[in-house]
Amino acid sequence: MPKFRNKDLRKDILVTLAYVPFSPFRIKAILNALRPTGYEDLTETSLMGQIKYLEEKNFIKAEKARNIVTEEETLLVTITTKGIDLLEGNCTDIGVSCG
């Protein structure tokens, strides 16, 4: 069982994405950025659940992309203007710890 709260994790995902706003991040990059900050037990499956939540709330955009050389498919995640507004306190959401 994870030691973190989903609300805090969602905020930290947004903070990670906001380091380079509007630039896409791969799931592995987000996972690697979060693990040293208290999310050592975070799995890719758990992260994907939170990504889906944030996407449904329009705080992030998640798009599949295919590498033209290897044909490998990956998910690219980008923070949206609504996600930035949430981090800056211009809006609120009960499911994300911000403020």
N, C-alpha and C. Protein backbone atom coordinates (compact mmCIF):
# COMPACT_ATOMS: atom_id res chain seq x y z
N MET A 1 0.85 -1.18 0.00
CA MET A 1 0.00 0.00 0.00
C MET A 1 0.89 1.25 0.00
N PRO A 2 0.65 2.18 -0.91
CA PRO A 2 1.49 3.38 -0.97
C PRO A 2 1.35 4.23 0.29
N LYS A 3 2.43 4.95 0.60
CA LYS A 3 2.45 5.81 1.78
C LYS A 3 2.02 7.23 1.47
N PHE A 4 1.63 7.50 0.24
CA PHE A 4 1.30 8.85 -0.17
C PHE A 4 -0.19 8.98 -0.45
N ARG A 5 -0.66 10.22 -0.43
CA ARG A 5 -2.06 10.50 -0.74
C ARG A 5 -2.18 10.82 -2.23
N ASN A 6 -3.25 10.35 -2.83
CA ASN A 6 -3.47 10.60 -4.24
C ASN A 6 -3.50 12.09 -4.56
N LYS A 7 -4.12 12.89 -3.69
CA LYS A 7 -4.21 14.34 -3.92
C LYS A 7 -2.82 14.97 -4.00
N ASP A 8 -1.93 14.53 -3.13
CA ASP A 8 -0.56 15.06 -3.12
C ASP A 8 0.20 14.60 -4.36
N LEU A 9 0.02 13.34 -4.73
CA LEU A 9 0.68 12.81 -5.92
C LEU A 9 0.23 13.56 -7.17
N ARG A 10 -1.05 13.83 -7.28
CA ARG A 10 -1.56 14.56 -8.44
C ARG A 10 -0.92 15.95 -8.53
N LYS A 11 -0.81 16.61 -7.40
CA LYS A 11 -0.15 17.92 -7.39
C LYS A 11 1.30 17.79 -7.85
N ASP A 12 1.99 16.80 -7.33
CA ASP A 12 3.40 16.64 -7.66
C ASP A 12 3.60 16.26 -9.14
N ILE A 13 2.66 15.55 -9.71
CA ILE A 13 2.70 15.29 -11.15
C ILE A 13 2.61 16.60 -11.91
N LEU A 14 1.66 17.45 -11.53
CA LEU A 14 1.50 18.74 -12.19
C LEU A 14 2.75 19.61 -12.02
N VAL A 15 3.31 19.63 -10.82
CA VAL A 15 4.53 20.41 -10.56
C VAL A 15 5.66 19.91 -11.46
N THR A 16 5.79 18.61 -11.59
CA THR A 16 6.83 18.03 -12.46
C THR A 16 6.64 18.49 -13.90
N LEU A 17 5.41 18.43 -14.38
CA LEU A 17 5.12 18.84 -15.76
C LEU A 17 5.31 20.33 -15.96
N ALA A 18 5.11 21.11 -14.91
CA ALA A 18 5.21 22.58 -15.01
C ALA A 18 6.65 23.06 -15.08
N TYR A 19 7.62 22.19 -14.80
CA TYR A 19 9.02 22.60 -14.91
C TYR A 19 9.33 23.08 -16.33
N VAL A 20 8.72 22.43 -17.30
CA VAL A 20 8.88 22.83 -18.70
C VAL A 20 7.48 22.85 -19.31
N PRO A 21 6.73 23.94 -19.06
CA PRO A 21 5.34 23.98 -19.50
C PRO A 21 5.18 23.74 -21.00
N PHE A 22 4.14 23.01 -21.33
CA PHE A 22 3.73 22.73 -22.70
C PHE A 22 4.73 21.87 -23.47
N SER A 23 5.67 21.27 -22.76
CA SER A 23 6.57 20.30 -23.37
C SER A 23 6.16 18.91 -22.91
N PRO A 24 6.10 17.95 -23.81
CA PRO A 24 5.63 16.61 -23.44
C PRO A 24 6.68 15.83 -22.64
N PHE A 25 6.19 15.08 -21.67
CA PHE A 25 7.00 14.20 -20.85
C PHE A 25 6.54 12.76 -21.08
N ARG A 26 7.48 11.84 -21.16
CA ARG A 26 7.14 10.42 -21.20
C ARG A 26 6.80 9.96 -19.78
N ILE A 27 6.02 8.92 -19.68
CA ILE A 27 5.63 8.37 -18.38
C ILE A 27 6.86 7.99 -17.56
N LYS A 28 7.84 7.36 -18.19
CA LYS A 28 9.06 6.95 -17.47
C LYS A 28 9.79 8.17 -16.89
N ALA A 29 9.79 9.29 -17.61
CA ALA A 29 10.46 10.50 -17.12
C ALA A 29 9.74 11.05 -15.90
N ILE A 30 8.41 11.03 -15.93
CA ILE A 30 7.63 11.50 -14.78
C ILE A 30 7.90 10.60 -13.58
N LEU A 31 7.87 9.31 -13.81
CA LEU A 31 8.12 8.33 -12.75
C LEU A 31 9.51 8.54 -12.15
N ASN A 32 10.51 8.71 -12.99
CA ASN A 32 11.88 8.90 -12.51
C ASN A 32 12.04 10.22 -11.77
N ALA A 33 11.30 11.24 -12.15
CA ALA A 33 11.37 12.52 -11.45
C ALA A 33 10.70 12.44 -10.08
N LEU A 34 9.64 11.64 -9.94
CA LEU A 34 8.89 11.56 -8.69
C LEU A 34 9.52 10.62 -7.67
N ARG A 35 10.12 9.55 -8.10
CA ARG A 35 10.63 8.53 -7.17
C ARG A 35 11.59 9.08 -6.11
N PRO A 36 12.55 9.94 -6.44
CA PRO A 36 13.46 10.44 -5.40
C PRO A 36 12.82 11.46 -4.45
N THR A 37 11.58 11.85 -4.72
CA THR A 37 10.94 12.88 -3.89
C THR A 37 9.89 12.29 -2.94
N GLY A 38 10.03 11.01 -2.62
CA GLY A 38 9.12 10.39 -1.67
C GLY A 38 8.17 9.38 -2.27
N TYR A 39 8.30 9.11 -3.53
CA TYR A 39 7.41 8.17 -4.22
C TYR A 39 8.18 6.93 -4.68
N GLU A 40 9.04 6.42 -3.82
CA GLU A 40 9.86 5.26 -4.16
C GLU A 40 9.02 4.05 -4.54
N ASP A 41 7.85 3.91 -3.93
CA ASP A 41 6.98 2.76 -4.15
C ASP A 41 6.01 2.96 -5.30
N LEU A 42 6.07 4.09 -5.97
CA LEU A 42 5.14 4.39 -7.05
C LEU A 42 5.40 3.47 -8.24
N THR A 43 4.35 2.84 -8.71
CA THR A 43 4.45 1.97 -9.88
C THR A 43 3.93 2.71 -11.11
N GLU A 44 4.29 2.21 -12.26
CA GLU A 44 3.80 2.81 -13.50
C GLU A 44 2.28 2.69 -13.59
N THR A 45 1.74 1.59 -13.10
CA THR A 45 0.28 1.38 -13.11
C THR A 45 -0.42 2.42 -12.24
N SER A 46 0.12 2.66 -11.04
CA SER A 46 -0.47 3.68 -10.15
C SER A 46 -0.37 5.06 -10.77
N LEU A 47 0.78 5.36 -11.36
CA LEU A 47 0.96 6.65 -12.01
C LEU A 47 -0.04 6.83 -13.14
N MET A 48 -0.26 5.79 -13.93
CA MET A 48 -1.20 5.87 -15.04
C MET A 48 -2.62 6.18 -14.56
N GLY A 49 -3.00 5.64 -13.41
CA GLY A 49 -4.31 5.95 -12.84
C GLY A 49 -4.45 7.43 -12.53
N GLN A 50 -3.39 8.02 -11.98
CA GLN A 50 -3.42 9.45 -11.66
C GLN A 50 -3.37 10.31 -12.92
N ILE A 51 -2.63 9.84 -13.93
CA ILE A 51 -2.57 10.55 -15.21
C ILE A 51 -3.98 10.59 -15.83
N LYS A 52 -4.67 9.46 -15.79
CA LYS A 52 -6.04 9.39 -16.33
C LYS A 52 -6.96 10.35 -15.59
N TYR A 53 -6.85 10.41 -14.26
CA TYR A 53 -7.66 11.33 -13.45
C TYR A 53 -7.42 12.78 -13.88
N LEU A 54 -6.15 13.15 -13.94
CA LEU A 54 -5.81 14.54 -14.31
C LEU A 54 -6.22 14.86 -15.73
N GLU A 55 -6.15 13.88 -16.61
CA GLU A 55 -6.57 14.11 -18.00
C GLU A 55 -8.08 14.31 -18.08
N GLU A 56 -8.84 13.53 -17.35
CA GLU A 56 -10.30 13.68 -17.35
C GLU A 56 -10.73 15.04 -16.80
N LYS A 57 -9.92 15.62 -15.92
CA LYS A 57 -10.20 16.94 -15.36
C LYS A 57 -9.64 18.07 -16.24
N ASN A 58 -8.98 17.70 -17.35
CA ASN A 58 -8.38 18.65 -18.30
C ASN A 58 -7.22 19.45 -17.72
N PHE A 59 -6.54 18.89 -16.70
CA PHE A 59 -5.35 19.53 -16.15
C PHE A 59 -4.10 19.15 -16.95
N ILE A 60 -4.19 18.03 -17.65
CA ILE A 60 -3.08 17.59 -18.51
C ILE A 60 -3.67 17.07 -19.81
N LYS A 61 -2.79 16.92 -20.78
CA LYS A 61 -3.15 16.28 -22.05
C LYS A 61 -2.22 15.09 -22.21
N ALA A 62 -2.77 13.93 -22.53
CA ALA A 62 -1.98 12.72 -22.74
C ALA A 62 -2.25 12.22 -24.15
N GLU A 63 -1.18 12.05 -24.92
CA GLU A 63 -1.32 11.62 -26.30
C GLU A 63 -0.35 10.48 -26.60
N LYS A 64 -0.83 9.51 -27.35
CA LYS A 64 0.03 8.43 -27.79
C LYS A 64 0.86 8.92 -28.98
N ALA A 65 2.12 8.50 -28.99
CA ALA A 65 3.02 8.83 -30.10
C ALA A 65 3.77 7.56 -30.49
N ARG A 66 4.11 7.47 -31.76
CA ARG A 66 4.83 6.31 -32.26
C ARG A 66 6.19 6.74 -32.79
N ASN A 67 7.22 6.04 -32.34
CA ASN A 67 8.56 6.27 -32.84
C ASN A 67 8.63 5.74 -34.27
N ILE A 68 8.99 6.59 -35.22
CA ILE A 68 8.97 6.17 -36.62
C ILE A 68 10.07 5.17 -36.97
N VAL A 69 11.09 5.11 -36.15
CA VAL A 69 12.18 4.16 -36.41
C VAL A 69 11.88 2.80 -35.79
N THR A 70 11.53 2.80 -34.49
CA THR A 70 11.33 1.53 -33.79
C THR A 70 9.88 1.05 -33.82
N GLU A 71 8.96 1.93 -34.22
CA GLU A 71 7.52 1.62 -34.22
C GLU A 71 6.97 1.45 -32.80
N GLU A 72 7.77 1.79 -31.79
CA GLU A 72 7.34 1.70 -30.40
C GLU A 72 6.37 2.83 -30.09
N GLU A 73 5.29 2.50 -29.38
CA GLU A 73 4.30 3.49 -29.00
C GLU A 73 4.56 3.93 -27.56
N THR A 74 4.42 5.23 -27.31
CA THR A 74 4.61 5.76 -25.97
C THR A 74 3.55 6.81 -25.69
N LEU A 75 3.35 7.12 -24.43
CA LEU A 75 2.39 8.14 -24.03
C LEU A 75 3.16 9.40 -23.65
N LEU A 76 2.77 10.52 -24.23
CA LEU A 76 3.38 11.81 -23.92
C LEU A 76 2.37 12.65 -23.15
N VAL A 77 2.83 13.24 -22.04
CA VAL A 77 1.94 13.98 -21.14
C VAL A 77 2.41 15.43 -21.06
N THR A 78 1.46 16.36 -21.18
CA THR A 78 1.75 17.79 -21.15
C THR A 78 0.76 18.48 -20.21
N ILE A 79 1.24 19.43 -19.43
CA ILE A 79 0.34 20.22 -18.59
C ILE A 79 -0.43 21.20 -19.48
N THR A 80 -1.67 21.47 -19.11
CA THR A 80 -2.50 22.42 -19.86
C THR A 80 -2.54 23.76 -19.13
N THR A 81 -3.13 24.75 -19.75
CA THR A 81 -3.27 26.05 -19.09
C THR A 81 -4.13 25.91 -17.83
N LYS A 82 -5.12 25.03 -17.87
CA LYS A 82 -5.95 24.80 -16.68
C LYS A 82 -5.12 24.19 -15.55
N GLY A 83 -4.19 23.31 -15.89
CA GLY A 83 -3.30 22.72 -14.88
C GLY A 83 -2.38 23.77 -14.26
N ILE A 84 -1.89 24.67 -15.09
CA ILE A 84 -1.05 25.75 -14.58
C ILE A 84 -1.86 26.68 -13.69
N ASP A 85 -3.08 26.99 -14.11
CA ASP A 85 -3.96 27.83 -13.27
C ASP A 85 -4.20 27.19 -11.92
N LEU A 86 -4.38 25.88 -11.90
CA LEU A 86 -4.59 25.17 -10.63
C LEU A 86 -3.38 25.32 -9.72
N LEU A 87 -2.18 25.13 -10.26
CA LEU A 87 -0.97 25.27 -9.46
C LEU A 87 -0.78 26.69 -8.95
N GLU A 88 -1.17 27.67 -9.75
CA GLU A 88 -1.02 29.08 -9.36
C GLU A 88 -2.13 29.57 -8.44
N GLY A 89 -3.11 28.73 -8.16
CA GLY A 89 -4.19 29.10 -7.25
C GLY A 89 -5.31 29.88 -7.91
N ASN A 90 -5.37 29.89 -9.23
CA ASN A 90 -6.41 30.61 -9.94
C ASN A 90 -7.70 29.81 -10.05
N CYS A 91 -7.65 28.54 -9.68
CA CYS A 91 -8.84 27.68 -9.59
C CYS A 91 -8.53 26.61 -8.55
N THR A 92 -9.54 25.87 -8.17
CA THR A 92 -9.36 24.83 -7.16
C THR A 92 -9.99 23.53 -7.64
N ASP A 93 -9.56 22.45 -7.04
CA ASP A 93 -10.16 21.13 -7.32
C ASP A 93 -10.00 20.30 -6.06
N ILE A 94 -11.07 19.69 -5.62
CA ILE A 94 -11.05 18.90 -4.40
C ILE A 94 -10.13 17.68 -4.49
N GLY A 95 -9.84 17.23 -5.72
CA GLY A 95 -9.02 16.04 -5.90
C GLY A 95 -7.53 16.29 -6.03
N VAL A 96 -7.11 17.55 -5.94
CA VAL A 96 -5.68 17.88 -6.07
C VAL A 96 -5.27 18.82 -4.94
N SER A 97 -4.22 18.46 -4.19
CA SER A 97 -3.71 19.32 -3.13
C SER A 97 -2.96 20.49 -3.75
N CYS A 98 -3.49 21.67 -3.64
CA CYS A 98 -2.80 22.86 -4.14
C CYS A 98 -3.04 24.01 -3.18
N GLY A 99 -2.11 24.94 -3.24
CA GLY A 99 -2.30 26.12 -2.40
C GLY A 99 -1.17 26.34 -1.45
